[in-house]
């Protein structure tokens, strides 16, 4: 079943959770329910406003593709964002804004 054929309920079932930078909320969505190869992060409430897509999860050859607004962000901002995106993808929503512990950050080549 292609993405165009997914219902709102199907898309919601792929959501892994949300996090915030203190100004905006972001939603993390897996590419599939079983063994997803990628996930995307978008501004909550606007799935067309994609911030980050991470691919290569099953191969281990990770690659990040940033949305237009985020390409100019500082390296520190993008690392913070990626760390939270991975955290939410693997662990679900977060209730408070705090940095992941050192050594838990995964980096993408992109």
N, C-alpha and C. Protein backbone atom coordinates (compact mmCIF):
# COMPACT_ATOMS: atom_id res chain seq x y z
N UNK A 1 0.85 -1.17 0.00
CA UNK A 1 0.00 0.00 0.00
C UNK A 1 0.89 1.23 0.00
N UNK A 2 0.74 2.12 -0.96
CA UNK A 2 1.55 3.32 -1.05
C UNK A 2 1.10 4.38 -0.08
N UNK A 3 1.97 5.34 0.17
CA UNK A 3 1.65 6.43 1.09
C UNK A 3 0.38 7.16 0.70
N UNK A 4 0.14 7.36 -0.59
CA UNK A 4 -1.03 8.09 -1.04
C UNK A 4 -2.32 7.38 -0.63
N UNK A 5 -2.27 6.09 -0.39
CA UNK A 5 -3.45 5.31 -0.02
C UNK A 5 -3.64 5.17 1.48
N UNK A 6 -2.74 5.73 2.29
CA UNK A 6 -2.85 5.60 3.73
C UNK A 6 -3.89 6.56 4.28
N UNK A 7 -4.69 6.06 5.20
CA UNK A 7 -5.69 6.89 5.86
C UNK A 7 -5.03 7.71 6.97
N UNK A 8 -5.75 8.65 7.49
CA UNK A 8 -5.25 9.46 8.60
C UNK A 8 -4.91 8.55 9.78
N UNK A 9 -5.74 7.56 10.04
CA UNK A 9 -5.49 6.62 11.13
C UNK A 9 -4.20 5.83 10.89
N UNK A 10 -3.97 5.43 9.63
CA UNK A 10 -2.74 4.70 9.30
C UNK A 10 -1.52 5.58 9.55
N UNK A 11 -1.59 6.83 9.12
CA UNK A 11 -0.47 7.76 9.32
C UNK A 11 -0.22 8.01 10.80
N UNK A 12 -1.29 8.18 11.55
CA UNK A 12 -1.15 8.39 13.00
C UNK A 12 -0.51 7.18 13.67
N UNK A 13 -0.80 5.98 13.16
CA UNK A 13 -0.22 4.76 13.73
C UNK A 13 1.29 4.71 13.52
N UNK A 14 1.79 5.40 12.50
CA UNK A 14 3.23 5.43 12.23
C UNK A 14 3.97 6.46 13.08
N UNK A 15 3.23 7.33 13.76
CA UNK A 15 3.87 8.36 14.58
C UNK A 15 4.55 7.72 15.78
N UNK A 16 5.81 8.15 16.01
CA UNK A 16 6.58 7.62 17.13
C UNK A 16 6.53 8.54 18.34
N UNK A 17 6.22 9.82 18.12
CA UNK A 17 6.14 10.75 19.23
C UNK A 17 6.49 12.16 18.82
N UNK A 18 6.62 13.01 19.84
CA UNK A 18 6.86 14.44 19.61
C UNK A 18 7.91 14.98 20.57
N UNK A 19 8.51 16.09 20.15
CA UNK A 19 9.41 16.84 21.02
C UNK A 19 9.33 18.30 20.62
N UNK A 20 9.92 19.17 21.44
CA UNK A 20 9.82 20.60 21.22
C UNK A 20 11.18 21.27 21.40
N UNK A 21 11.37 22.37 20.68
CA UNK A 21 12.57 23.18 20.87
C UNK A 21 12.26 24.38 21.77
N UNK A 22 11.09 24.40 22.37
CA UNK A 22 10.68 25.50 23.22
C UNK A 22 9.81 26.51 22.49
N UNK A 23 9.84 26.49 21.17
CA UNK A 23 9.02 27.38 20.36
C UNK A 23 8.02 26.61 19.52
N UNK A 24 8.47 25.49 18.96
CA UNK A 24 7.64 24.68 18.08
C UNK A 24 7.66 23.23 18.54
N UNK A 25 6.64 22.51 18.14
CA UNK A 25 6.56 21.08 18.42
C UNK A 25 6.83 20.33 17.12
N UNK A 26 7.52 19.20 17.22
CA UNK A 26 7.87 18.40 16.06
C UNK A 26 7.37 16.97 16.26
N UNK A 27 6.92 16.36 15.19
CA UNK A 27 6.41 15.00 15.21
C UNK A 27 7.36 14.10 14.43
N UNK A 28 7.63 12.92 14.97
CA UNK A 28 8.48 11.93 14.33
C UNK A 28 7.59 10.81 13.82
N UNK A 29 7.73 10.49 12.52
CA UNK A 29 6.90 9.46 11.89
C UNK A 29 7.79 8.44 11.17
N UNK A 30 7.58 7.17 11.45
CA UNK A 30 8.32 6.08 10.80
C UNK A 30 7.79 5.88 9.38
N UNK A 31 8.62 5.31 8.52
CA UNK A 31 8.21 5.06 7.13
C UNK A 31 7.28 3.86 7.01
N UNK A 32 7.33 2.95 7.98
CA UNK A 32 6.43 1.79 7.97
C UNK A 32 6.31 1.27 9.39
N UNK A 33 5.32 0.42 9.60
CA UNK A 33 5.09 -0.12 10.94
C UNK A 33 6.12 -1.19 11.30
N UNK A 34 6.55 -1.97 10.33
CA UNK A 34 7.51 -3.05 10.57
C UNK A 34 8.85 -2.73 9.93
N UNK A 35 9.91 -2.74 10.69
CA UNK A 35 11.28 -2.52 10.21
C UNK A 35 11.40 -1.32 9.27
N UNK A 36 11.04 -0.14 9.76
CA UNK A 36 11.14 1.04 8.89
C UNK A 36 12.59 1.33 8.49
N UNK A 37 12.78 1.74 7.25
CA UNK A 37 14.11 2.11 6.76
C UNK A 37 14.39 3.59 6.94
N UNK A 38 13.35 4.36 7.26
CA UNK A 38 13.55 5.80 7.43
C UNK A 38 12.51 6.36 8.38
N UNK A 39 12.76 7.59 8.80
CA UNK A 39 11.74 8.34 9.53
C UNK A 39 11.85 9.79 9.11
N UNK A 40 10.75 10.50 9.30
CA UNK A 40 10.74 11.92 9.00
C UNK A 40 10.27 12.69 10.22
N UNK A 41 10.72 13.92 10.30
CA UNK A 41 10.33 14.81 11.37
C UNK A 41 9.71 16.03 10.71
N UNK A 42 8.54 16.41 11.18
CA UNK A 42 7.86 17.57 10.61
C UNK A 42 7.28 18.41 11.73
N UNK A 43 6.94 19.65 11.40
CA UNK A 43 6.33 20.54 12.36
C UNK A 43 4.94 19.99 12.67
N UNK A 44 4.67 19.77 13.96
CA UNK A 44 3.40 19.19 14.38
C UNK A 44 2.24 20.02 13.83
N UNK A 45 1.30 19.32 13.23
CA UNK A 45 0.14 19.98 12.67
C UNK A 45 0.29 20.34 11.20
N UNK A 46 1.50 20.14 10.65
CA UNK A 46 1.73 20.46 9.24
C UNK A 46 2.73 19.45 8.66
N UNK A 47 2.26 18.29 8.28
CA UNK A 47 3.14 17.22 7.78
C UNK A 47 3.89 17.61 6.52
N UNK A 48 3.45 18.66 5.84
CA UNK A 48 4.16 19.12 4.64
C UNK A 48 5.40 19.94 5.00
N UNK A 49 5.49 20.41 6.24
CA UNK A 49 6.64 21.20 6.69
C UNK A 49 7.69 20.26 7.28
N UNK A 50 8.37 19.52 6.40
CA UNK A 50 9.34 18.52 6.82
C UNK A 50 10.65 19.20 7.22
N UNK A 51 11.13 18.82 8.38
CA UNK A 51 12.38 19.37 8.90
C UNK A 51 13.55 18.44 8.59
N UNK A 52 13.35 17.15 8.77
CA UNK A 52 14.43 16.19 8.64
C UNK A 52 13.89 14.84 8.18
N UNK A 53 14.60 14.20 7.27
CA UNK A 53 14.34 12.81 6.90
C UNK A 53 15.64 12.05 7.13
N UNK A 54 15.57 10.97 7.87
CA UNK A 54 16.73 10.11 8.10
C UNK A 54 16.44 8.78 7.43
N UNK A 55 17.32 8.38 6.53
CA UNK A 55 17.16 7.11 5.82
C UNK A 55 18.35 6.21 6.11
N UNK A 56 18.21 4.95 5.72
CA UNK A 56 19.28 3.97 5.91
C UNK A 56 19.26 3.30 7.26
N UNK A 57 18.12 3.29 7.93
CA UNK A 57 18.05 2.68 9.27
C UNK A 57 18.32 1.18 9.24
N UNK A 58 17.81 0.48 8.24
CA UNK A 58 18.00 -0.97 8.21
C UNK A 58 19.38 -1.35 7.69
N UNK A 59 19.95 -0.54 6.84
CA UNK A 59 21.27 -0.84 6.29
C UNK A 59 22.40 -0.35 7.19
N UNK A 60 22.09 0.61 8.07
CA UNK A 60 23.13 1.21 8.90
C UNK A 60 23.87 2.32 8.19
N UNK A 61 23.54 2.56 6.92
CA UNK A 61 24.16 3.63 6.15
C UNK A 61 23.27 4.87 6.28
N UNK A 62 23.35 5.53 7.44
CA UNK A 62 22.45 6.64 7.76
C UNK A 62 22.74 7.87 6.92
N UNK A 63 21.66 8.52 6.50
CA UNK A 63 21.79 9.75 5.73
C UNK A 63 20.67 10.70 6.16
N UNK A 64 21.05 11.93 6.46
CA UNK A 64 20.07 12.95 6.85
C UNK A 64 19.84 13.92 5.70
N UNK A 65 18.59 14.21 5.46
CA UNK A 65 18.20 15.22 4.49
C UNK A 65 17.40 16.27 5.24
N UNK A 66 17.89 17.51 5.20
CA UNK A 66 17.28 18.60 5.96
C UNK A 66 16.34 19.41 5.10
N UNK A 67 15.25 19.88 5.73
CA UNK A 67 14.34 20.80 5.07
C UNK A 67 15.04 22.12 4.81
N UNK A 68 14.50 22.88 3.90
CA UNK A 68 15.13 24.12 3.44
C UNK A 68 15.50 25.07 4.59
N UNK A 69 14.60 25.32 5.49
CA UNK A 69 14.87 26.24 6.60
C UNK A 69 16.01 25.76 7.50
N UNK A 70 16.17 24.47 7.61
CA UNK A 70 17.13 23.90 8.56
C UNK A 70 18.51 23.69 7.97
N UNK A 71 18.66 23.79 6.68
CA UNK A 71 19.98 23.60 6.07
C UNK A 71 20.97 24.66 6.54
N UNK A 72 20.47 25.84 6.85
CA UNK A 72 21.34 26.94 7.29
C UNK A 72 21.54 26.97 8.81
N UNK A 73 20.91 26.06 9.53
CA UNK A 73 21.06 26.01 10.99
C UNK A 73 22.50 25.64 11.34
N UNK A 74 22.91 26.05 12.52
CA UNK A 74 24.27 25.73 12.96
C UNK A 74 24.41 24.22 13.17
N UNK A 75 25.64 23.77 13.14
CA UNK A 75 25.92 22.34 13.37
C UNK A 75 25.39 21.91 14.73
N UNK A 76 25.57 22.75 15.74
CA UNK A 76 25.09 22.43 17.09
C UNK A 76 23.58 22.28 17.12
N UNK A 77 22.86 23.16 16.42
CA UNK A 77 21.40 23.06 16.37
C UNK A 77 20.97 21.79 15.67
N UNK A 78 21.62 21.45 14.58
CA UNK A 78 21.24 20.24 13.85
C UNK A 78 21.59 18.99 14.66
N UNK A 79 22.72 18.98 15.37
CA UNK A 79 23.07 17.83 16.21
C UNK A 79 22.04 17.67 17.32
N UNK A 80 21.64 18.79 17.94
CA UNK A 80 20.63 18.72 19.00
C UNK A 80 19.33 18.14 18.43
N UNK A 81 18.93 18.64 17.27
CA UNK A 81 17.70 18.20 16.65
C UNK A 81 17.76 16.71 16.30
N UNK A 82 18.86 16.29 15.69
CA UNK A 82 19.02 14.87 15.33
C UNK A 82 18.97 13.99 16.56
N UNK A 83 19.63 14.42 17.63
CA UNK A 83 19.65 13.61 18.86
C UNK A 83 18.23 13.40 19.38
N UNK A 84 17.44 14.47 19.39
CA UNK A 84 16.06 14.34 19.86
C UNK A 84 15.22 13.53 18.89
N UNK A 85 15.44 13.68 17.60
CA UNK A 85 14.68 12.91 16.61
C UNK A 85 14.92 11.41 16.81
N UNK A 86 16.19 11.02 16.97
CA UNK A 86 16.50 9.61 17.21
C UNK A 86 15.92 9.14 18.54
N UNK A 87 16.03 9.98 19.55
CA UNK A 87 15.50 9.61 20.86
C UNK A 87 14.00 9.31 20.76
N UNK A 88 13.25 10.20 20.11
CA UNK A 88 11.81 10.00 19.99
C UNK A 88 11.50 8.83 19.08
N UNK A 89 12.24 8.65 18.00
CA UNK A 89 12.00 7.51 17.11
C UNK A 89 12.10 6.20 17.87
N UNK A 90 13.12 6.06 18.72
CA UNK A 90 13.33 4.81 19.43
C UNK A 90 12.60 4.71 20.76
N UNK A 91 12.26 5.86 21.39
CA UNK A 91 11.71 5.83 22.75
C UNK A 91 10.35 6.48 22.93
N UNK A 92 9.85 7.19 21.93
CA UNK A 92 8.56 7.87 22.06
C UNK A 92 8.71 9.32 22.51
N UNK A 93 7.58 9.94 22.75
CA UNK A 93 7.53 11.37 23.08
C UNK A 93 8.32 11.69 24.34
N UNK A 94 8.72 12.95 24.42
CA UNK A 94 9.40 13.45 25.61
C UNK A 94 8.52 14.52 26.23
N UNK A 95 8.54 14.60 27.56
CA UNK A 95 7.69 15.54 28.24
C UNK A 95 8.41 16.80 28.67
N UNK A 96 9.72 16.79 28.65
CA UNK A 96 10.47 17.98 29.02
C UNK A 96 11.64 18.17 28.08
N UNK A 97 12.10 19.40 27.97
CA UNK A 97 13.20 19.73 27.06
C UNK A 97 14.53 19.58 27.80
N UNK A 98 15.24 18.52 27.52
CA UNK A 98 16.56 18.31 28.10
C UNK A 98 17.42 17.59 27.07
N UNK A 99 18.71 17.78 27.15
CA UNK A 99 19.60 17.17 26.17
C UNK A 99 19.81 15.69 26.49
N UNK A 100 19.90 14.86 25.45
CA UNK A 100 20.24 13.45 25.68
C UNK A 100 21.62 13.34 26.34
N UNK A 101 21.83 12.29 27.06
CA UNK A 101 23.11 12.09 27.73
C UNK A 101 24.23 11.86 26.72
N UNK A 102 25.45 12.30 27.04
CA UNK A 102 26.58 12.06 26.12
C UNK A 102 26.71 10.58 25.80
N UNK A 103 27.06 10.31 24.56
CA UNK A 103 27.24 8.92 24.12
C UNK A 103 25.98 8.31 23.55
N UNK A 104 24.85 9.03 23.62
CA UNK A 104 23.61 8.48 23.09
C UNK A 104 23.22 9.13 21.77
N UNK A 105 24.04 10.04 21.29
CA UNK A 105 23.73 10.75 20.05
C UNK A 105 24.20 9.94 18.85
N UNK A 106 23.32 9.77 17.86
CA UNK A 106 23.68 9.09 16.61
C UNK A 106 23.82 10.15 15.54
N UNK A 107 24.83 10.02 14.72
CA UNK A 107 25.07 11.01 13.67
C UNK A 107 24.79 10.40 12.30
N UNK A 108 24.33 11.26 11.40
CA UNK A 108 24.08 10.84 10.03
C UNK A 108 25.07 11.54 9.11
N UNK A 109 25.37 10.91 8.04
CA UNK A 109 26.24 11.50 7.02
C UNK A 109 25.36 12.28 6.05
N UNK A 110 25.04 13.53 6.44
CA UNK A 110 24.18 14.29 5.57
C UNK A 110 23.80 15.62 6.09
